[in-house]
PDB file of N, CA and C in Angstrom:
ATOM      1  N   MET A   1      -9.495  -9.016  -6.816  1.00  0.00           N
ATOM      2  CA  MET A   1      -8.716  -7.785  -6.400  1.00  0.00           C
ATOM      3  C   MET A   1      -9.508  -6.665  -6.128  1.00  0.00           C
ATOM      4  N   GLN A   2      -9.650  -6.013  -5.157  1.00  0.00           N
ATOM      5  CA  GLN A   2     -10.211  -5.067  -4.813  1.00  0.00           C
ATOM      6  C   GLN A   2      -9.709  -3.583  -5.601  1.00  0.00           C
ATOM      7  N   ASN A   3     -10.558  -2.854  -5.819  1.00  0.00           N
ATOM      8  CA  ASN A   3     -10.120  -1.295  -6.489  1.00  0.00           C
ATOM      9  C   ASN A   3     -10.189  -0.259  -4.980  1.00  0.00           C
ATOM     10  N   HIS A   4      -9.108   0.432  -5.218  1.00  0.00           N
ATOM     11  CA  HIS A   4      -9.510   1.398  -4.004  1.00  0.00           C
ATOM     12  C   HIS A   4      -8.565   2.619  -4.121  1.00  0.00           C
ATOM     13  N   ASP A   5      -8.641   3.577  -4.930  1.00  0.00           N
ATOM     14  CA  ASP A   5      -7.898   5.080  -4.962  1.00  0.00           C
ATOM     15  C   ASP A   5      -7.371   5.461  -3.522  1.00  0.00           C
ATOM     16  N   LEU A   6      -5.737   5.195  -3.806  1.00  0.00           N
ATOM     17  CA  LEU A   6      -5.677   6.256  -2.372  1.00  0.00           C
ATOM     18  C   LEU A   6      -5.873   7.863  -2.230  1.00  0.00           C
ATOM     19  N   VAL A   7      -6.159   8.691  -1.360  1.00  0.00           N
ATOM     20  CA  VAL A   7      -6.070   9.913  -1.176  1.00  0.00           C
ATOM     21  C   VAL A   7      -4.953  10.641  -1.995  1.00  0.00           C
ATOM     22  N   PRO A   8      -4.748  11.663  -2.503  1.00  0.00           N
ATOM     23  CA  PRO A   8      -3.909  12.126  -3.043  1.00  0.00           C
ATOM     24  C   PRO A   8      -2.685  12.901  -1.730  1.00  0.00           C
ATOM     25  N   VAL A   9      -1.828  13.088  -2.097  1.00  0.00           N
ATOM     26  CA  VAL A   9      -0.619  13.530  -1.475  1.00  0.00           C
ATOM     27  C   VAL A   9       0.315  14.567  -2.053  1.00  0.00           C
ATOM     28  N   LYS A  10       0.780  15.699  -1.213  1.00  0.00           N
ATOM     29  CA  LYS A  10       1.529  16.333  -2.181  1.00  0.00           C
ATOM     30  C   LYS A  10       3.201  15.709  -1.582  1.00  0.00           C
ATOM     31  N   GLN A  11       4.084  15.959  -2.936  1.00  0.00           N
ATOM     32  CA  GLN A  11       5.027  14.852  -2.923  1.00  0.00           C
ATOM     33  C   GLN A  11       5.751  15.682  -1.607  1.00  0.00           C
ATOM     34  N   GLY A  12       6.323  15.030  -1.105  1.00  0.00           N
ATOM     35  CA  GLY A  12       7.624  15.389   0.193  1.00  0.00           C
ATOM     36  C   GLY A  12       7.300  15.661   1.366  1.00  0.00           C
ATOM     37  N   THR A  13       5.598  15.687   1.476  1.00  0.00           N
ATOM     38  CA  THR A  13       4.435  15.886   2.333  1.00  0.00           C
ATOM     39  C   THR A  13       4.362  14.654   3.479  1.00  0.00           C
ATOM     40  N   THR A  14       3.794  14.798   4.740  1.00  0.00           N
ATOM     41  CA  THR A  14       3.314  13.266   5.420  1.00  0.00           C
ATOM     42  C   THR A  14       1.871  13.014   5.012  1.00  0.00           C
ATOM     43  N   TYR A  15       2.265  11.802   4.217  1.00  0.00           N
ATOM     44  CA  TYR A  15       0.343  11.071   4.137  1.00  0.00           C
ATOM     45  C   TYR A  15       0.239  10.464   5.150  1.00  0.00           C
ATOM     46  N   LEU A  16      -0.831  10.732   5.353  1.00  0.00           N
ATOM     47  CA  LEU A  16      -1.689  10.661   7.119  1.00  0.00           C
ATOM     48  C   LEU A  16      -1.916   8.841   7.145  1.00  0.00           C
ATOM     49  N   GLY A  17      -1.648   8.257   6.410  1.00  0.00           N
ATOM     50  CA  GLY A  17      -1.938   6.796   6.228  1.00  0.00           C
ATOM     51  C   GLY A  17      -3.339   6.041   5.639  1.00  0.00           C
ATOM     52  N   ALA A  18      -3.690   5.316   5.871  1.00  0.00           N
ATOM     53  CA  ALA A  18      -4.795   4.386   5.267  1.00  0.00           C
ATOM     54  C   ALA A  18      -4.881   2.643   5.999  1.00  0.00           C
ATOM     55  N   ASN A  19      -5.936   2.795   6.775  1.00  0.00           N
ATOM     56  CA  ASN A  19      -6.311   1.334   7.595  1.00  0.00           C
ATOM     57  C   ASN A  19      -7.165   0.465   6.214  1.00  0.00           C
ATOM     58  N   ILE A  20      -6.662  -0.398   6.241  1.00  0.00           N
ATOM     59  CA  ILE A  20      -7.127  -1.595   5.225  1.00  0.00           C
ATOM     60  C   ILE A  20      -7.764  -2.984   6.539  1.00  0.00           C
ATOM     61  N   THR A  21      -8.832  -3.213   5.827  1.00  0.00           N
ATOM     62  CA  THR A  21      -9.518  -4.554   6.340  1.00  0.00           C
ATOM     63  C   THR A  21      -9.711  -5.944   5.654  1.00  0.00           C
ATOM     64  N   LEU A  22      -9.227  -6.978   6.181  1.00  0.00           N
ATOM     65  CA  LEU A  22      -9.792  -8.166   5.217  1.00  0.00           C
ATOM     66  C   LEU A  22     -11.108  -8.590   5.749  1.00  0.00           C
ATOM     67  N   PRO A  23     -11.420  -9.284   4.803  1.00  0.00           N
ATOM     68  CA  PRO A  23     -13.024 -10.115   5.247  1.00  0.00           C
ATOM     69  C   PRO A  23     -12.552 -10.854   6.505  1.00  0.00           C
ATOM     70  N   THR A  24     -13.718 -11.025   7.291  1.00  0.00           N
ATOM     71  CA  THR A  24     -13.398 -12.103   8.434  1.00  0.00           C
ATOM     72  C   THR A  24     -14.188 -13.239   8.197  1.00  0.00           C
ATOM     73  N   GLY A  25     -13.648 -14.447   8.891  1.00  0.00           N
ATOM     74  CA  GLY A  25     -14.453 -15.509   8.390  1.00  0.00           C
ATOM     75  C   GLY A  25     -13.316 -16.438   7.763  1.00  0.00           C
ATOM     76  N   ASP A  26     -12.850 -15.519   6.810  1.00  0.00           N
ATOM     77  CA  ASP A  26     -11.947 -16.705   5.813  1.00  0.00           C
ATOM     78  C   ASP A  26     -10.504 -17.129   6.473  1.00  0.00           C
ATOM     79  N   ALA A  27      -9.481 -17.625   5.884  1.00  0.00           N
ATOM     80  CA  ALA A  27      -8.522 -17.856   6.020  1.00  0.00           C
ATOM     81  C   ALA A  27      -7.444 -16.777   5.680  1.00  0.00           C
ATOM     82  N   TYR A  28      -7.265 -15.740   6.225  1.00  0.00           N
ATOM     83  CA  TYR A  28      -7.127 -14.672   5.685  1.00  0.00           C
ATOM     84  C   TYR A  28      -6.367 -13.730   7.391  1.00  0.00           C
ATOM     85  N   LEU A  29      -5.933 -14.533   8.209  1.00  0.00           N
ATOM     86  CA  LEU A  29      -5.151 -14.068   9.658  1.00  0.00           C
ATOM     87  C   LEU A  29      -3.824 -13.848   8.980  1.00  0.00           C
ATOM     88  N   LEU A  30      -3.660 -12.620   9.295  1.00  0.00           N
ATOM     89  CA  LEU A  30      -2.832 -11.784   9.165  1.00  0.00           C
ATOM     90  C   LEU A  30      -0.721 -11.925   9.843  1.00  0.00           C
ATOM     91  N   HIS A  31      -1.225 -12.636  11.111  1.00  0.00           N
ATOM     92  CA  HIS A  31      -0.089 -12.831  11.962  1.00  0.00           C
ATOM     93  C   HIS A  31       0.948 -13.511  11.290  1.00  0.00           C
ATOM     94  N   GLY A  32       2.424 -13.053  10.813  1.00  0.00           N
ATOM     95  CA  GLY A  32       3.326 -14.003  10.313  1.00  0.00           C
ATOM     96  C   GLY A  32       3.529 -13.889   8.967  1.00  0.00           C
ATOM     97  N   ALA A  33       2.434 -13.005   8.274  1.00  0.00           N
ATOM     98  CA  ALA A  33       2.179 -12.490   6.765  1.00  0.00           C
ATOM     99  C   ALA A  33       3.305 -11.583   6.352  1.00  0.00           C
ATOM    100  N   LEU A  34       3.755 -11.771   4.922  1.00  0.00           N
ATOM    101  CA  LEU A  34       4.254 -10.703   4.289  1.00  0.00           C
ATOM    102  C   LEU A  34       3.440  -9.711   3.971  1.00  0.00           C
ATOM    103  N   ILE A  35       3.066  -8.428   3.730  1.00  0.00           N
ATOM    104  CA  ILE A  35       2.452  -7.547   3.205  1.00  0.00           C
ATOM    105  C   ILE A  35       3.307  -6.626   2.273  1.00  0.00           C
ATOM    106  N   GLU A  36       3.073  -6.559   0.898  1.00  0.00           N
ATOM    107  CA  GLU A  36       3.773  -5.466   0.016  1.00  0.00           C
ATOM    108  C   GLU A  36       3.049  -4.683  -0.545  1.00  0.00           C
ATOM    109  N   MET A  37       3.244  -3.354  -0.522  1.00  0.00           N
ATOM    110  CA  MET A  37       2.719  -2.583  -1.497  1.00  0.00           C
ATOM    111  C   MET A  37       3.657  -1.998  -2.832  1.00  0.00           C
ATOM    112  N   LYS A  38       3.649  -2.301  -4.273  1.00  0.00           N
ATOM    113  CA  LYS A  38       4.228  -1.813  -4.943  1.00  0.00           C
ATOM    114  C   LYS A  38       4.080  -0.528  -5.900  1.00  0.00           C
ATOM    115  N   VAL A  39       4.049   0.764  -6.166  1.00  0.00           N
ATOM    116  CA  VAL A  39       3.631   1.753  -6.650  1.00  0.00           C
ATOM    117  C   VAL A  39       4.495   2.143  -7.812  1.00  0.00           C
ATOM    118  N   ARG A  40       3.554   2.115  -8.906  1.00  0.00           N
ATOM    119  CA  ARG A  40       4.530   2.117 -10.396  1.00  0.00           C
ATOM    120  C   ARG A  40       3.696   3.212 -11.120  1.00  0.00           C
ATOM    121  N   LEU A  41       4.237   3.623 -12.377  1.00  0.00           N
ATOM    122  CA  LEU A  41       3.399   4.510 -13.197  1.00  0.00           C
ATOM    123  C   LEU A  41       2.451   3.929 -13.913  1.00  0.00           C
ATOM    124  N   GLN A  42       3.000   2.557 -14.057  1.00  0.00           N
ATOM    125  CA  GLN A  42       1.570   1.729 -14.976  1.00  0.00           C
ATOM    126  C   GLN A  42       2.150   0.020 -15.112  1.00  0.00           C
ATOM    127  N   PRO A  43       1.238  -0.590 -15.215  1.00  0.00           N
ATOM    128  CA  PRO A  43       1.480  -2.257 -15.280  1.00  0.00           C
ATOM    129  C   PRO A  43       2.834  -2.610 -15.207  1.00  0.00           C
ATOM    130  N   ASN A  44       3.580  -3.506 -14.713  1.00  0.00           N
ATOM    131  CA  ASN A  44       5.021  -3.835 -14.933  1.00  0.00           C
ATOM    132  C   ASN A  44       6.258  -2.874 -15.375  1.00  0.00           C
ATOM    133  N   ALA A  45       5.868  -2.038 -14.852  1.00  0.00           N
ATOM    134  CA  ALA A  45       7.122  -0.800 -14.933  1.00  0.00           C
ATOM    135  C   ALA A  45       7.862  -0.436 -13.901  1.00  0.00           C
ATOM    136  N   THR A  46       9.041   0.433 -13.652  1.00  0.00           N
ATOM    137  CA  THR A  46       9.791   0.261 -12.262  1.00  0.00           C
ATOM    138  C   THR A  46       9.105   0.703 -11.305  1.00  0.00           C
ATOM    139  N   VAL A  47       9.320  -0.667 -10.453  1.00  0.00           N
ATOM    140  CA  VAL A  47       8.986   0.461  -8.927  1.00  0.00           C
ATOM    141  C   VAL A  47       9.495   1.911  -8.267  1.00  0.00           C
ATOM    142  N   LYS A  48       8.961   2.480  -8.065  1.00  0.00           N
ATOM    143  CA  LYS A  48       9.155   3.871  -7.814  1.00  0.00           C
ATOM    144  C   LYS A  48       8.796   3.627  -6.282  1.00  0.00           C
ATOM    145  N   LEU A  49       7.838   3.401  -5.502  1.00  0.00           N
ATOM    146  CA  LEU A  49       7.921   2.856  -4.095  1.00  0.00           C
ATOM    147  C   LEU A  49       8.003   2.003  -3.602  1.00  0.00           C
ATOM    148  N   TYR A  50       8.181   0.996  -2.906  1.00  0.00           N
ATOM    149  CA  TYR A  50       7.882  -0.212  -2.268  1.00  0.00           C
ATOM    150  C   TYR A  50       7.765   0.344  -0.653  1.00  0.00           C
ATOM    151  N   LEU A  51       6.769  -0.168  -0.083  1.00  0.00           N
ATOM    152  CA  LEU A  51       6.683  -0.300   0.804  1.00  0.00           C
ATOM    153  C   LEU A  51       6.540  -1.729   1.657  1.00  0.00           C
ATOM    154  N   SER A  52       6.685  -2.120   2.742  1.00  0.00           N
ATOM    155  CA  SER A  52       6.324  -3.413   3.166  1.00  0.00           C
ATOM    156  C   SER A  52       6.015  -3.892   4.611  1.00  0.00           C
ATOM    157  N   SER A  53       6.068  -4.797   5.486  1.00  0.00           N
ATOM    158  CA  SER A  53       5.607  -5.148   6.745  1.00  0.00           C
ATOM    159  C   SER A  53       7.204  -5.782   7.131  1.00  0.00           C
ATOM    160  N   VAL A  54       8.208  -5.599   6.506  1.00  0.00           N
ATOM    161  CA  VAL A  54       9.422  -6.048   6.842  1.00  0.00           C
ATOM    162  C   VAL A  54      10.167  -4.693   6.400  1.00  0.00           C
ATOM    163  N   ASN A  55       9.859  -3.782   5.911  1.00  0.00           N
ATOM    164  CA  ASN A  55      10.803  -2.609   6.512  1.00  0.00           C
ATOM    165  C   ASN A  55       9.929  -1.189   6.685  1.00  0.00           C
ATOM    166  N   GLU A  56       8.814  -1.630   7.628  1.00  0.00           N
ATOM    167  CA  GLU A  56       7.752  -1.063   8.182  1.00  0.00           C
ATOM    168  C   GLU A  56       7.167  -0.046   7.713  1.00  0.00           C
ATOM    169  N   GLY A  57       6.801   0.026   6.042  1.00  0.00           N
ATOM    170  CA  GLY A  57       6.247   0.429   5.345  1.00  0.00           C
ATOM    171  C   GLY A  57       4.682   0.300   5.532  1.00  0.00           C
ATOM    172  N   LEU A  58       4.288  -0.731   5.731  1.00  0.00           N
ATOM    173  CA  LEU A  58       2.772  -1.289   5.984  1.00  0.00           C
ATOM    174  C   LEU A  58       3.260  -2.324   7.647  1.00  0.00           C
ATOM    175  N   GLN A  59       1.935  -2.123   8.331  1.00  0.00           N
ATOM    176  CA  GLN A  59       2.340  -2.397   9.821  1.00  0.00           C
ATOM    177  C   GLN A  59       1.132  -3.300   9.928  1.00  0.00           C
ATOM    178  N   ILE A  60       0.927  -4.630  10.225  1.00  0.00           N
ATOM    179  CA  ILE A  60      -0.394  -5.314  10.830  1.00  0.00           C
ATOM    180  C   ILE A  60      -0.629  -5.100  11.526  1.00  0.00           C
ATOM    181  N   THR A  61      -1.999  -4.288  12.112  1.00  0.00           N
ATOM    182  CA  THR A  61      -2.540  -3.781  13.456  1.00  0.00           C
ATOM    183  C   THR A  61      -3.385  -4.908  14.115  1.00  0.00           C
ATOM    184  N   GLY A  62      -4.007  -6.377  13.302  1.00  0.00           N
ATOM    185  CA  GLY A  62      -5.071  -6.923  13.947  1.00  0.00           C
ATOM    186  C   GLY A  62      -5.186  -8.339  13.436  1.00  0.00           C
ATOM    187  N   ASP A  63      -5.861  -9.110  13.463  1.00  0.00           N
ATOM    188  CA  ASP A  63      -5.926 -10.389  12.539  1.00  0.00           C
ATOM    189  C   ASP A  63      -6.032 -10.520  11.103  1.00  0.00           C
ATOM    190  N   TYR A  64      -6.875  -9.134  10.642  1.00  0.00           N
ATOM    191  CA  TYR A  64      -7.382  -8.883   9.567  1.00  0.00           C
ATOM    192  C   TYR A  64      -7.145  -7.524   9.051  1.00  0.00           C
ATOM    193  N   THR A  65      -6.526  -6.987   9.522  1.00  0.00           N
ATOM    194  CA  THR A  65      -6.310  -5.408   9.328  1.00  0.00           C
ATOM    195  C   THR A  65      -4.434  -5.020   9.627  1.00  0.00           C
ATOM    196  N   PHE A  66      -4.150  -4.051   8.381  1.00  0.00           N
ATOM    197  CA  PHE A  66      -3.321  -4.170   8.619  1.00  0.00           C
ATOM    198  C   PHE A  66      -3.412  -2.019   7.854  1.00  0.00           C
ATOM    199  N   CYS A  67      -2.445  -1.532   7.832  1.00  0.00           N
ATOM    200  CA  CYS A  67      -2.492  -0.404   7.864  1.00  0.00           C
ATOM    201  C   CYS A  67      -1.316   0.607   7.009  1.00  0.00           C
ATOM    202  N   ILE A  68      -0.971   1.739   5.811  1.00  0.00           N
ATOM    203  CA  ILE A  68      -0.085   2.122   5.622  1.00  0.00           C
ATOM    204  C   ILE A  68      -0.459   3.236   6.516  1.00  0.00           C
ATOM    205  N   PRO A  69       0.993   3.381   7.675  1.00  0.00           N
ATOM    206  CA  PRO A  69       0.564   4.519   8.213  1.00  0.00           C
ATOM    207  C   PRO A  69       1.383   5.825   7.599  1.00  0.00           C
ATOM    208  N   ALA A  70       1.264   6.440   8.425  1.00  0.00           N
ATOM    209  CA  ALA A  70       1.644   8.246   8.488  1.00  0.00           C
ATOM    210  C   ALA A  70       3.118   8.228   7.515  1.00  0.00           C
ATOM    211  N   GLN A  71       2.886   8.586   6.772  1.00  0.00           N
ATOM    212  CA  GLN A  71       5.188   8.443   6.543  1.00  0.00           C
ATOM    213  C   GLN A  71       5.055   9.955   5.419  1.00  0.00           C
ATOM    214  N   VAL A  72       6.592  10.207   4.972  1.00  0.00           N
ATOM    215  CA  VAL A  72       6.729  11.576   4.378  1.00  0.00           C
ATOM    216  C   VAL A  72       6.612  10.459   2.729  1.00  0.00           C
ATOM    217  N   ILE A  73       6.107  10.873   1.514  1.00  0.00           N
ATOM    218  CA  ILE A  73       6.274  10.517   0.308  1.00  0.00           C
ATOM    219  C   ILE A  73       7.511  11.482  -0.261  1.00  0.00           C
ATOM    220  N   GLU A  74       7.994  10.459  -0.892  1.00  0.00           N
ATOM    221  CA  GLU A  74       9.336  11.555  -1.912  1.00  0.00           C
ATOM    222  C   GLU A  74       9.168  10.325  -3.187  1.00  0.00           C
ATOM    223  N   ILE A  75       7.990  10.577  -3.761  1.00  0.00           N
ATOM    224  CA  ILE A  75       8.653  10.162  -5.525  1.00  0.00           C
ATOM    225  C   ILE A  75       8.175  11.364  -5.865  1.00  0.00           C
ATOM    226  N   PRO A  76       8.170  10.844  -7.180  1.00  0.00           N
ATOM    227  CA  PRO A  76       7.966  12.560  -8.449  1.00  0.00           C
ATOM    228  C   PRO A  76       6.391  12.509  -8.505  1.00  0.00           C
ATOM    229  N   SER A  77       6.009  13.964  -8.470  1.00  0.00           N
ATOM    230  CA  SER A  77       4.451  14.067  -8.909  1.00  0.00           C
ATOM    231  C   SER A  77       3.881  13.017  -9.842  1.00  0.00           C
ATOM    232  N   ASN A  78       3.122  12.660  -9.607  1.00  0.00           N
ATOM    233  CA  ASN A  78       2.441  11.884 -11.169  1.00  0.00           C
ATOM    234  C   ASN A  78       0.725  11.222 -10.528  1.00  0.00           C
ATOM    235  N   THR A  79       0.640  10.386 -11.572  1.00  0.00           N
ATOM    236  CA  THR A  79      -0.771   9.524 -11.257  1.00  0.00           C
ATOM    237  C   THR A  79      -0.022   8.102 -10.981  1.00  0.00           C
ATOM    238  N   TYR A  80      -0.118   7.569 -10.288  1.00  0.00           N
ATOM    239  CA  TYR A  80       0.750   6.204 -10.277  1.00  0.00           C
ATOM    240  C   TYR A  80      -0.385   4.769  -9.829  1.00  0.00           C
ATOM    241  N   GLN A  81      -0.144   3.945 -10.106  1.00  0.00           N
ATOM    242  CA  GLN A  81      -0.564   2.683 -10.195  1.00  0.00           C
ATOM    243  C   GLN A  81      -0.340   1.967  -9.001  1.00  0.00           C
ATOM    244  N   TYR A  82      -0.673   1.129  -8.017  1.00  0.00           N
ATOM    245  CA  TYR A  82      -0.353   0.715  -6.904  1.00  0.00           C
ATOM    246  C   TYR A  82      -1.088  -1.001  -7.146  1.00  0.00           C
ATOM    247  N   ASP A  83      -0.562  -1.796  -6.254  1.00  0.00           N
ATOM    248  CA  ASP A  83      -1.174  -3.140  -5.947  1.00  0.00           C
ATOM    249  C   ASP A  83      -0.397  -3.544  -4.431  1.00  0.00           C
ATOM    250  N   ILE A  84      -1.508  -4.249  -3.600  1.00  0.00           N
ATOM    251  CA  ILE A  84      -0.790  -4.745  -2.257  1.00  0.00           C
ATOM    252  C   ILE A  84      -1.231  -6.138  -2.622  1.00  0.00           C
ATOM    253  N   LYS A  85       0.130  -7.044  -2.293  1.00  0.00           N
ATOM    254  CA  LYS A  85      -0.218  -8.556  -2.360  1.00  0.00           C
ATOM    255  C   LYS A  85       0.254  -8.914  -1.332  1.00  0.00           C
ATOM    256  N   ILE A  86      -0.488 -10.038  -0.446  1.00  0.00           N
ATOM    257  CA  ILE A  86      -0.125 -11.198   0.625  1.00  0.00           C
ATOM    258  C   ILE A  86       0.470 -11.903   0.697  1.00  0.00           C
ATOM    259  N   THR A  87       1.118 -12.626   1.426  1.00  0.00           N
ATOM    260  CA  THR A  87       1.799 -13.977   1.202  1.00  0.00           C
ATOM    261  C   THR A  87       1.700 -14.239   2.760  1.00  0.00           C
ATOM    262  N   PHE A  88       0.891 -15.529   2.548  1.00  0.00           N
ATOM    263  CA  PHE A  88       0.237 -15.820   4.024  1.00  0.00           C
ATOM    264  C   PHE A  88       0.983 -16.993   4.449  1.00  0.00           C
ATOM    265  N   LEU A  89       1.310 -17.174   6.309  1.00  0.00           N
ATOM    266  CA  LEU A  89       1.975 -18.365   6.158  1.00  0.00           C
ATOM    267  C   LEU A  89       2.118 -19.799   5.454  1.00  0.00           C
ATOM    268  N   ASP A  90       1.247 -19.880   5.651  1.00  0.00           N
ATOM    269  CA  ASP A  90       0.909 -21.134   4.212  1.00  0.00           C
ATOM    270  C   ASP A  90       1.611 -21.227   2.939  1.00  0.00           C
ATOM    271  N   GLY A  91       1.746 -19.937   1.987  1.00  0.00           N
ATOM    272  CA  GLY A  91       2.934 -19.957   1.274  1.00  0.00           C
ATOM    273  C   GLY A  91       1.625 -19.383  -0.002  1.00  0.00           C
ATOM    274  N   ARG A  92      -0.053 -19.222   0.064  1.00  0.00           N
ATOM    275  CA  ARG A  92      -0.981 -18.818  -0.658  1.00  0.00           C
ATOM    276  C   ARG A  92      -0.182 -17.013  -0.650  1.00  0.00           C
ATOM    277  N   LYS A  93      -0.448 -16.732  -2.004  1.00  0.00           N
ATOM    278  CA  LYS A  93      -0.416 -15.357  -2.223  1.00  0.00           C
ATOM    279  C   LYS A  93      -1.417 -14.736  -2.705  1.00  0.00           C
ATOM    280  N   SER A  94      -1.944 -13.463  -2.799  1.00  0.00           N
ATOM    281  CA  SER A  94      -2.811 -13.247  -2.916  1.00  0.00           C
ATOM    282  C   SER A  94      -3.027 -11.455  -3.380  1.00  0.00           C
ATOM    283  N   ILE A  95      -3.368 -10.858  -4.652  1.00  0.00           N
ATOM    284  CA  ILE A  95      -3.590  -9.477  -4.858  1.00  0.00           C
ATOM    285  C   ILE A  95      -3.921  -9.094  -4.250  1.00  0.00           C
ATOM    286  N   TYR A  96      -3.988  -8.394  -3.340  1.00  0.00           N
ATOM    287  CA  TYR A  96      -5.675  -8.117  -2.533  1.00  0.00           C
ATOM    288  C   TYR A  96      -6.666  -7.075  -2.603  1.00  0.00           C
ATOM    289  N   LEU A  97      -5.413  -6.022  -3.348  1.00  0.00           N
ATOM    290  CA  LEU A  97      -5.766  -4.420  -3.310  1.00  0.00           C
ATOM    291  C   LEU A  97      -5.022  -3.836  -4.597  1.00  0.00           C
ATOM    292  N   GLY A  98      -5.612  -2.782  -5.329  1.00  0.00           N
ATOM    293  CA  GLY A  98      -5.109  -2.205  -6.359  1.00  0.00           C
ATOM    294  C   GLY A  98      -5.802  -0.519  -6.523  1.00  0.00           C
ATOM    295  N   GLY A  99      -5.049   0.226  -7.344  1.00  0.00           N
ATOM    296  CA  GLY A  99      -5.721   1.309  -7.733  1.00  0.00           C
ATOM    297  C   GLY A  99      -4.817   2.369  -7.853  1.00  0.00           C
ATOM    298  N   SER A 100      -5.577   3.662  -7.839  1.00  0.00           N
ATOM    299  CA  SER A 100      -4.180   4.705  -8.340  1.00  0.00           C
ATOM    300  C   SER A 100      -4.091   5.578  -7.086  1.00  0.00           C
ATOM    301  N   TRP A 101      -2.848   6.225  -7.481  1.00  0.00           N
ATOM    302  CA  TRP A 101      -2.334   7.147  -6.407  1.00  0.00           C
ATOM    303  C   TRP A 101      -1.543   8.514  -6.811  1.00  0.00           C
ATOM    304  N   THR A 102      -2.526   9.460  -6.499  1.00  0.00           N
ATOM    305  CA  THR A 102      -1.870  10.838  -7.183  1.00  0.00           C
ATOM    306  C   THR A 102      -1.043  11.552  -6.083  1.00  0.00           C
ATOM    307  N   ILE A 103       0.430  11.975  -6.494  1.00  0.00           N
ATOM    308  CA  ILE A 103       1.461  12.306  -5.727  1.00  0.00           C
ATOM    309  C   ILE A 103       1.178  13.813  -6.543  1.00  0.00           C
ATOM    310  N   LEU A 104       0.853  15.034  -5.845  1.00  0.00           N
ATOM    311  CA  LEU A 104       0.623  16.357  -6.465  1.00  0.00           C
ATOM    312  C   LEU A 104       1.960  16.542  -6.124  1.00  0.00           C
ATOM    313  N   SER A 105       2.662  18.157  -6.992  1.00  0.00           N
ATOM    314  CA  SER A 105       3.258  18.870  -6.778  1.00  0.00           C
ATOM    315  C   SER A 105       3.207  19.645  -6.176  1.00  0.00           C
ATOM    316  N   VAL A 106       4.084  20.196  -5.360  1.00  0.00           N
ATOM    317  CA  VAL A 106       4.175  21.431  -4.391  1.00  0.00           C
ATOM    318  C   VAL A 106       4.427  22.506  -4.950  1.00  0.00           C
ATOM    319  N   ILE A 107       3.252  23.820  -5.026  1.00  0.00           N
ATOM    320  CA  ILE A 107       3.432  24.873  -6.195  1.00  0.00           C
ATOM    321  C   ILE A 107       4.094  25.837  -5.141  1.00  0.00           C
ATOM    322  N   THR A 108       3.360  25.566  -3.712  1.00  0.00           N
ATOM    323  CA  THR A 108       3.480  26.823  -2.651  1.00  0.00           C
ATOM    324  C   THR A 108       3.723  26.623  -1.354  1.00  0.00           C
ATOM    325  N   ASP A 109       4.422  26.767  -0.579  1.00  0.00           N
ATOM    326  CA  ASP A 109       4.491  26.188   1.269  1.00  0.00           C
ATOM    327  C   ASP A 109       3.812  27.184   1.974  1.00  0.00           C
TER     328      ASP A 109
END
């Protein structure tokens, strides 16, 4: 699993998104894959935010690329742990990426 901390975002504001590219040349074609992102306070804790390629919280953008599109983040401020799991068409599963993500409190507008 690759480690990558996401850019902090203020609670209730629009996260500008992130583009993610898988290694090319391997059997990582994303067409038809299920991509899931789970955000938790700590490993094995309750999921606070769930994004997937099914609910359009994640979008496949090419053979080896997907993105977390711009969207409003409505979870309480804290530093969370996340991971991204990919289930390929042939049934293989891989936890590809993970790290921390800080949601900041909004003090003043």
